[in-house]
Amino acid sequence: MSGELGRVLRWPLWSWRNLTITAVALLALLAFVGRATDGRASSLPAAAPSTTSAETTAAAPQPSTPAPTTTTQTPPA
């Protein structure tokens, strides 16, 4: 069995044609699996919805009086 397994594993390296066939077959298999699963990974838990900063700033209390503004005076020339 190990002799046949080694022969199968070495087959892609025998020529550029075999390597190309193997690479195209693997890419096609990955594309098929990606389409079949529709990009969803079933083993990952669903992400909890997160709050955005816009929601937190809208909920923050607004100051009742505006902050005092300071004016700078230029010295006379």
PDB file of N, CA and C in Angstrom:
ATOM      1  N   MET A   1       0.821  -1.185   0.000  1.00  0.00           N
ATOM      2  CA  MET A   1       0.000   0.000   0.000  1.00  0.00           C
ATOM      3  C   MET A   1       0.867   1.250   0.000  1.00  0.00           C
ATOM      4  N   SER A   2       1.962   1.259   0.753  1.00  0.00           N
ATOM      5  CA  SER A   2       2.793   2.458   0.818  1.00  0.00           C
ATOM      6  C   SER A   2       3.469   2.737  -0.527  1.00  0.00           C
ATOM      7  N   GLY A   3       3.754   1.699  -1.299  1.00  0.00           N
ATOM      8  CA  GLY A   3       4.341   1.902  -2.622  1.00  0.00           C
ATOM      9  C   GLY A   3       3.369   2.597  -3.552  1.00  0.00           C
ATOM     10  N   GLU A   4       2.123   2.209  -3.497  1.00  0.00           N
ATOM     11  CA  GLU A   4       1.109   2.841  -4.353  1.00  0.00           C
ATOM     12  C   GLU A   4       0.792   4.254  -3.868  1.00  0.00           C
ATOM     13  N   LEU A   5       0.763   4.453  -2.563  1.00  0.00           N
ATOM     14  CA  LEU A   5       0.515   5.786  -2.018  1.00  0.00           C
ATOM     15  C   LEU A   5       1.638   6.741  -2.416  1.00  0.00           C
ATOM     16  N   GLY A   6       2.864   6.265  -2.340  1.00  0.00           N
ATOM     17  CA  GLY A   6       3.998   7.088  -2.749  1.00  0.00           C
ATOM     18  C   GLY A   6       3.937   7.430  -4.228  1.00  0.00           C
ATOM     19  N   ARG A   7       3.480   6.507  -5.032  1.00  0.00           N
ATOM     20  CA  ARG A   7       3.354   6.751  -6.468  1.00  0.00           C
ATOM     21  C   ARG A   7       2.278   7.803  -6.747  1.00  0.00           C
ATOM     22  N   VAL A   8       1.185   7.745  -6.004  1.00  0.00           N
ATOM     23  CA  VAL A   8       0.104   8.719  -6.187  1.00  0.00           C
ATOM     24  C   VAL A   8       0.559  10.103  -5.730  1.00  0.00           C
ATOM     25  N   LEU A   9       1.308  10.151  -4.647  1.00  0.00           N
ATOM     26  CA  LEU A   9       1.767  11.443  -4.148  1.00  0.00           C
ATOM     27  C   LEU A   9       2.852  12.049  -5.039  1.00  0.00           C
ATOM     28  N   ARG A  10       3.614  11.228  -5.729  1.00  0.00           N
ATOM     29  CA  ARG A  10       4.660  11.728  -6.615  1.00  0.00           C
ATOM     30  C   ARG A  10       4.148  12.072  -8.008  1.00  0.00           C
ATOM     31  N   TRP A  11       2.941  11.656  -8.362  1.00  0.00           N
ATOM     32  CA  TRP A  11       2.421  11.856  -9.705  1.00  0.00           C
ATOM     33  C   TRP A  11       2.413  13.323 -10.135  1.00  0.00           C
ATOM     34  N   PRO A  12       2.008  14.280  -9.261  1.00  0.00           N
ATOM     35  CA  PRO A  12       2.016  15.679  -9.701  1.00  0.00           C
ATOM     36  C   PRO A  12       3.405  16.215 -10.044  1.00  0.00           C
ATOM     37  N   LEU A  13       4.442  15.629  -9.502  1.00  0.00           N
ATOM     38  CA  LEU A  13       5.796  16.123  -9.730  1.00  0.00           C
ATOM     39  C   LEU A  13       6.480  15.507 -10.941  1.00  0.00           C
ATOM     40  N   TRP A  14       5.821  14.571 -11.622  1.00  0.00           N
ATOM     41  CA  TRP A  14       6.451  13.922 -12.768  1.00  0.00           C
ATOM     42  C   TRP A  14       6.610  14.868 -13.943  1.00  0.00           C
ATOM     43  N   SER A  15       5.679  15.786 -14.144  1.00  0.00           N
ATOM     44  CA  SER A  15       5.781  16.727 -15.266  1.00  0.00           C
ATOM     45  C   SER A  15       4.987  17.985 -14.952  1.00  0.00           C
ATOM     46  N   TRP A  16       5.241  19.025 -15.754  1.00  0.00           N
ATOM     47  CA  TRP A  16       4.508  20.272 -15.586  1.00  0.00           C
ATOM     48  C   TRP A  16       3.029  20.075 -15.880  1.00  0.00           C
ATOM     49  N   ARG A  17       2.721  19.197 -16.809  1.00  0.00           N
ATOM     50  CA  ARG A  17       1.324  18.927 -17.151  1.00  0.00           C
ATOM     51  C   ARG A  17       0.599  18.318 -15.949  1.00  0.00           C
ATOM     52  N   ASN A  18       1.208  17.357 -15.292  1.00  0.00           N
ATOM     53  CA  ASN A  18       0.584  16.737 -14.116  1.00  0.00           C
ATOM     54  C   ASN A  18       0.428  17.740 -12.978  1.00  0.00           C
ATOM     55  N   LEU A  19       1.432  18.595 -12.795  1.00  0.00           N
ATOM     56  CA  LEU A  19       1.355  19.606 -11.744  1.00  0.00           C
ATOM     57  C   LEU A  19       0.237  20.602 -12.039  1.00  0.00           C
ATOM     58  N   THR A  20       0.084  20.982 -13.300  1.00  0.00           N
ATOM     59  CA  THR A  20      -0.979  21.905 -13.683  1.00  0.00           C
ATOM     60  C   THR A  20      -2.348  21.281 -13.476  1.00  0.00           C
ATOM     61  N   ILE A  21      -2.491  20.022 -13.865  1.00  0.00           N
ATOM     62  CA  ILE A  21      -3.766  19.323 -13.680  1.00  0.00           C
ATOM     63  C   ILE A  21      -4.120  19.243 -12.202  1.00  0.00           C
ATOM     64  N   THR A  22      -3.139  18.948 -11.370  1.00  0.00           N
ATOM     65  CA  THR A  22      -3.376  18.855  -9.930  1.00  0.00           C
ATOM     66  C   THR A  22      -3.766  20.210  -9.349  1.00  0.00           C
ATOM     67  N   ALA A  23      -3.069  21.269  -9.737  1.00  0.00           N
ATOM     68  CA  ALA A  23      -3.369  22.607  -9.219  1.00  0.00           C
ATOM     69  C   ALA A  23      -4.764  23.063  -9.649  1.00  0.00           C
ATOM     70  N   VAL A  24      -5.134  22.828 -10.909  1.00  0.00           N
ATOM     71  CA  VAL A  24      -6.458  23.220 -11.384  1.00  0.00           C
ATOM     72  C   VAL A  24      -7.540  22.421 -10.667  1.00  0.00           C
ATOM     73  N   ALA A  25      -7.304  21.143 -10.444  1.00  0.00           N
ATOM     74  CA  ALA A  25      -8.283  20.315  -9.742  1.00  0.00           C
ATOM     75  C   ALA A  25      -8.468  20.785  -8.298  1.00  0.00           C
ATOM     76  N   LEU A  26      -7.385  21.148  -7.625  1.00  0.00           N
ATOM     77  CA  LEU A  26      -7.497  21.649  -6.247  1.00  0.00           C
ATOM     78  C   LEU A  26      -8.221  22.990  -6.197  1.00  0.00           C
ATOM     79  N   LEU A  27      -7.941  23.877  -7.148  1.00  0.00           N
ATOM     80  CA  LEU A  27      -8.629  25.159  -7.182  1.00  0.00           C
ATOM     81  C   LEU A  27     -10.117  24.984  -7.481  1.00  0.00           C
ATOM     82  N   ALA A  28     -10.439  24.056  -8.372  1.00  0.00           N
ATOM     83  CA  ALA A  28     -11.846  23.790  -8.676  1.00  0.00           C
ATOM     84  C   ALA A  28     -12.552  23.206  -7.453  1.00  0.00           C
ATOM     85  N   LEU A  29     -11.874  22.334  -6.725  1.00  0.00           N
ATOM     86  CA  LEU A  29     -12.453  21.757  -5.516  1.00  0.00           C
ATOM     87  C   LEU A  29     -12.693  22.839  -4.462  1.00  0.00           C
ATOM     88  N   LEU A  30     -11.736  23.737  -4.289  1.00  0.00           N
ATOM     89  CA  LEU A  30     -11.909  24.828  -3.333  1.00  0.00           C
ATOM     90  C   LEU A  30     -13.047  25.763  -3.749  1.00  0.00           C
ATOM     91  N   ALA A  31     -13.170  26.036  -5.039  1.00  0.00           N
ATOM     92  CA  ALA A  31     -14.254  26.891  -5.518  1.00  0.00           C
ATOM     93  C   ALA A  31     -15.599  26.215  -5.292  1.00  0.00           C
ATOM     94  N   PHE A  32     -15.674  24.918  -5.537  1.00  0.00           N
ATOM     95  CA  PHE A  32     -16.920  24.183  -5.316  1.00  0.00           C
ATOM     96  C   PHE A  32     -17.312  24.187  -3.844  1.00  0.00           C
ATOM     97  N   VAL A  33     -16.346  23.964  -2.976  1.00  0.00           N
ATOM     98  CA  VAL A  33     -16.628  23.960  -1.540  1.00  0.00           C
ATOM     99  C   VAL A  33     -17.052  25.361  -1.095  1.00  0.00           C
ATOM    100  N   GLY A  34     -16.419  26.390  -1.628  1.00  0.00           N
ATOM    101  CA  GLY A  34     -16.796  27.757  -1.290  1.00  0.00           C
ATOM    102  C   GLY A  34     -18.210  28.083  -1.738  1.00  0.00           C
ATOM    103  N   ARG A  35     -18.592  27.619  -2.929  1.00  0.00           N
ATOM    104  CA  ARG A  35     -19.959  27.854  -3.414  1.00  0.00           C
ATOM    105  C   ARG A  35     -20.966  27.033  -2.623  1.00  0.00           C
ATOM    106  N   ALA A  36     -20.598  25.810  -2.278  1.00  0.00           N
ATOM    107  CA  ALA A  36     -21.526  24.927  -1.569  1.00  0.00           C
ATOM    108  C   ALA A  36     -21.811  25.443  -0.162  1.00  0.00           C
ATOM    109  N   THR A  37     -20.799  25.995   0.488  1.00  0.00           N
ATOM    110  CA  THR A  37     -21.002  26.508   1.841  1.00  0.00           C
ATOM    111  C   THR A  37     -21.464  27.953   1.832  1.00  0.00           C
ATOM    112  N   ASP A  38     -21.451  28.596   0.668  1.00  0.00           N
ATOM    113  CA  ASP A  38     -21.900  29.971   0.503  1.00  0.00           C
ATOM    114  C   ASP A  38     -21.106  30.929   1.383  1.00  0.00           C
ATOM    115  N   GLY A  39     -19.830  30.607   1.641  1.00  0.00           N
ATOM    116  CA  GLY A  39     -18.967  31.478   2.408  1.00  0.00           C
ATOM    117  C   GLY A  39     -19.203  31.462   3.904  1.00  0.00           C
ATOM    118  N   ARG A  40     -20.099  30.626   4.368  1.00  0.00           N
ATOM    119  CA  ARG A  40     -20.381  30.563   5.808  1.00  0.00           C
ATOM    120  C   ARG A  40     -19.615  29.408   6.423  1.00  0.00           C
ATOM    121  N   ALA A  41     -19.030  29.660   7.555  1.00  0.00           N
ATOM    122  CA  ALA A  41     -18.358  28.603   8.292  1.00  0.00           C
ATOM    123  C   ALA A  41     -19.286  28.181   9.430  1.00  0.00           C
ATOM    124  N   SER A  42     -19.717  26.945   9.414  1.00  0.00           N
ATOM    125  CA  SER A  42     -20.686  26.494  10.410  1.00  0.00           C
ATOM    126  C   SER A  42     -20.059  26.283  11.782  1.00  0.00           C
ATOM    127  N   SER A  43     -18.741  26.141  11.858  1.00  0.00           N
ATOM    128  CA  SER A  43     -18.112  25.883  13.145  1.00  0.00           C
ATOM    129  C   SER A  43     -17.871  27.167  13.938  1.00  0.00           C
ATOM    130  N   LEU A  44     -17.953  28.341  13.285  1.00  0.00           N
ATOM    131  CA  LEU A  44     -17.714  29.585  13.994  1.00  0.00           C
ATOM    132  C   LEU A  44     -19.001  30.060  14.664  1.00  0.00           C
ATOM    133  N   PRO A  45     -18.905  30.546  15.900  1.00  0.00           N
ATOM    134  CA  PRO A  45     -20.105  31.063  16.565  1.00  0.00           C
ATOM    135  C   PRO A  45     -20.534  32.377  15.919  1.00  0.00           C
ATOM    136  N   ALA A  46     -21.799  32.670  16.022  1.00  0.00           N
ATOM    137  CA  ALA A  46     -22.316  33.916  15.458  1.00  0.00           C
ATOM    138  C   ALA A  46     -21.804  35.089  16.278  1.00  0.00           C
ATOM    139  N   ALA A  47     -21.417  36.145  15.593  1.00  0.00           N
ATOM    140  CA  ALA A  47     -20.883  37.325  16.271  1.00  0.00           C
ATOM    141  C   ALA A  47     -22.033  38.115  16.885  1.00  0.00           C
ATOM    142  N   ALA A  48     -21.821  38.583  18.084  1.00  0.00           N
ATOM    143  CA  ALA A  48     -22.828  39.394  18.762  1.00  0.00           C
ATOM    144  C   ALA A  48     -22.836  40.777  18.136  1.00  0.00           C
ATOM    145  N   PRO A  49     -24.002  41.371  17.994  1.00  0.00           N
ATOM    146  CA  PRO A  49     -24.031  42.710  17.409  1.00  0.00           C
ATOM    147  C   PRO A  49     -23.339  43.706  18.334  1.00  0.00           C
ATOM    148  N   SER A  50     -22.539  44.553  17.745  1.00  0.00           N
ATOM    149  CA  SER A  50     -21.802  45.516  18.558  1.00  0.00           C
ATOM    150  C   SER A  50     -22.459  46.880  18.439  1.00  0.00           C
ATOM    151  N   THR A  51     -22.256  47.683  19.460  1.00  0.00           N
ATOM    152  CA  THR A  51     -22.805  49.033  19.425  1.00  0.00           C
ATOM    153  C   THR A  51     -21.803  49.942  18.753  1.00  0.00           C
ATOM    154  N   THR A  52     -22.298  50.885  18.020  1.00  0.00           N
ATOM    155  CA  THR A  52     -21.411  51.814  17.336  1.00  0.00           C
ATOM    156  C   THR A  52     -21.216  53.050  18.184  1.00  0.00           C
ATOM    157  N   SER A  53     -20.220  53.828  17.819  1.00  0.00           N
ATOM    158  CA  SER A  53     -19.942  55.034  18.594  1.00  0.00           C
ATOM    159  C   SER A  53     -21.046  56.067  18.409  1.00  0.00           C
ATOM    160  N   ALA A  54     -21.767  56.043  17.286  1.00  0.00           N
ATOM    161  CA  ALA A  54     -22.852  56.994  17.072  1.00  0.00           C
ATOM    162  C   ALA A  54     -23.985  56.742  18.061  1.00  0.00           C
ATOM    163  N   GLU A  55     -24.231  55.499  18.383  1.00  0.00           N
ATOM    164  CA  GLU A  55     -25.276  55.177  19.351  1.00  0.00           C
ATOM    165  C   GLU A  55     -24.881  55.650  20.758  1.00  0.00           C
ATOM    166  N   THR A  56     -23.622  55.504  21.094  1.00  0.00           N
ATOM    167  CA  THR A  56     -23.204  55.894  22.438  1.00  0.00           C
ATOM    168  C   THR A  56     -23.159  57.406  22.576  1.00  0.00           C
ATOM    169  N   THR A  57     -22.789  58.135  21.524  1.00  0.00           N
ATOM    170  CA  THR A  57     -22.747  59.589  21.642  1.00  0.00           C
ATOM    171  C   THR A  57     -24.145  60.178  21.624  1.00  0.00           C
ATOM    172  N   ALA A  58     -25.084  59.524  20.941  1.00  0.00           N
ATOM    173  CA  ALA A  58     -26.448  60.034  20.928  1.00  0.00           C
ATOM    174  C   ALA A  58     -27.086  59.853  22.303  1.00  0.00           C
ATOM    175  N   ALA A  59     -26.691  58.838  23.025  1.00  0.00           N
ATOM    176  CA  ALA A  59     -27.267  58.574  24.335  1.00  0.00           C
ATOM    177  C   ALA A  59     -26.602  59.413  25.425  1.00  0.00           C
ATOM    178  N   ALA A  60     -25.476  60.040  25.145  1.00  0.00           N
ATOM    179  CA  ALA A  60     -24.774  60.833  26.151  1.00  0.00           C
ATOM    180  C   ALA A  60     -25.551  62.117  26.423  1.00  0.00           C
ATOM    181  N   PRO A  61     -25.629  62.531  27.684  1.00  0.00           N
ATOM    182  CA  PRO A  61     -26.358  63.769  28.000  1.00  0.00           C
ATOM    183  C   PRO A  61     -25.622  64.980  27.439  1.00  0.00           C
ATOM    184  N   GLN A  62     -26.397  65.909  26.929  1.00  0.00           N
ATOM    185  CA  GLN A  62     -25.838  67.128  26.375  1.00  0.00           C
ATOM    186  C   GLN A  62     -25.713  68.171  27.487  1.00  0.00           C
ATOM    187  N   PRO A  63     -24.662  68.967  27.498  1.00  0.00           N
ATOM    188  CA  PRO A  63     -24.525  69.993  28.533  1.00  0.00           C
ATOM    189  C   PRO A  63     -25.620  71.055  28.352  1.00  0.00           C
ATOM    190  N   SER A  64     -26.149  71.550  29.479  1.00  0.00           N
ATOM    191  CA  SER A  64     -27.247  72.508  29.406  1.00  0.00           C
ATOM    192  C   SER A  64     -26.761  73.914  29.084  1.00  0.00           C
ATOM    193  N   THR A  65     -25.564  74.249  29.479  1.00  0.00           N
ATOM    194  CA  THR A  65     -25.034  75.581  29.184  1.00  0.00           C
ATOM    195  C   THR A  65     -23.820  75.425  28.286  1.00  0.00           C
ATOM    196  N   PRO A  66     -23.654  76.309  27.348  1.00  0.00           N
ATOM    197  CA  PRO A  66     -22.476  76.185  26.486  1.00  0.00           C
ATOM    198  C   PRO A  66     -21.210  76.522  27.265  1.00  0.00           C
ATOM    199  N   ALA A  67     -20.138  75.958  26.857  1.00  0.00           N
ATOM    200  CA  ALA A  67     -18.856  76.204  27.511  1.00  0.00           C
ATOM    201  C   ALA A  67     -18.413  77.627  27.203  1.00  0.00           C
ATOM    202  N   PRO A  68     -17.820  78.299  28.179  1.00  0.00           N
ATOM    203  CA  PRO A  68     -17.382  79.696  27.925  1.00  0.00           C
ATOM    204  C   PRO A  68     -16.283  79.721  26.884  1.00  0.00           C
ATOM    205  N   THR A  69     -16.397  80.709  26.030  1.00  0.00           N
ATOM    206  CA  THR A  69     -15.366  80.857  25.000  1.00  0.00           C
ATOM    207  C   THR A  69     -14.421  81.963  25.419  1.00  0.00           C
ATOM    208  N   THR A  70     -13.181  81.814  25.110  1.00  0.00           N
ATOM    209  CA  THR A  70     -12.200  82.818  25.452  1.00  0.00           C
ATOM    210  C   THR A  70     -11.827  83.566  24.188  1.00  0.00           C
ATOM    211  N   THR A  71     -11.710  84.858  24.304  1.00  0.00           N
ATOM    212  CA  THR A  71     -11.313  85.673  23.161  1.00  0.00           C
ATOM    213  C   THR A  71      -9.898  86.162  23.410  1.00  0.00           C
ATOM    214  N   THR A  72      -9.135  86.163  22.383  1.00  0.00           N
ATOM    215  CA  THR A  72      -7.773  86.657  22.513  1.00  0.00           C
ATOM    216  C   THR A  72      -7.731  88.074  21.954  1.00  0.00           C
ATOM    217  N   GLN A  73      -7.095  88.932  22.712  1.00  0.00           N
ATOM    218  CA  GLN A  73      -6.971  90.324  22.265  1.00  0.00           C
ATOM    219  C   GLN A  73      -5.562  90.530  21.754  1.00  0.00           C
ATOM    220  N   THR A  74      -5.500  91.212  20.646  1.00  0.00           N
ATOM    221  CA  THR A  74      -4.172  91.507  20.099  1.00  0.00           C
ATOM    222  C   THR A  74      -3.692  92.823  20.704  1.00  0.00           C
ATOM    223  N   PRO A  75      -2.454  92.887  21.061  1.00  0.00           N
ATOM    224  CA  PRO A  75      -1.935  94.134  21.639  1.00  0.00           C
ATOM    225  C   PRO A  75      -1.892  95.240  20.570  1.00  0.00           C
ATOM    226  N   PRO A  76      -2.123  96.451  20.999  1.00  0.00           N
ATOM    227  CA  PRO A  76      -2.071  97.539  20.018  1.00  0.00           C
ATOM    228  C   PRO A  76      -0.661  97.702  19.442  1.00  0.00           C
ATOM    229  N   ALA A  77      -0.597  98.123  18.220  1.00  0.00           N
ATOM    230  CA  ALA A  77       0.699  98.274  17.559  1.00  0.00           C
ATOM    231  C   ALA A  77       1.366  99.577  17.878  1.00  0.00           C
TER     232      ALA A  77
END
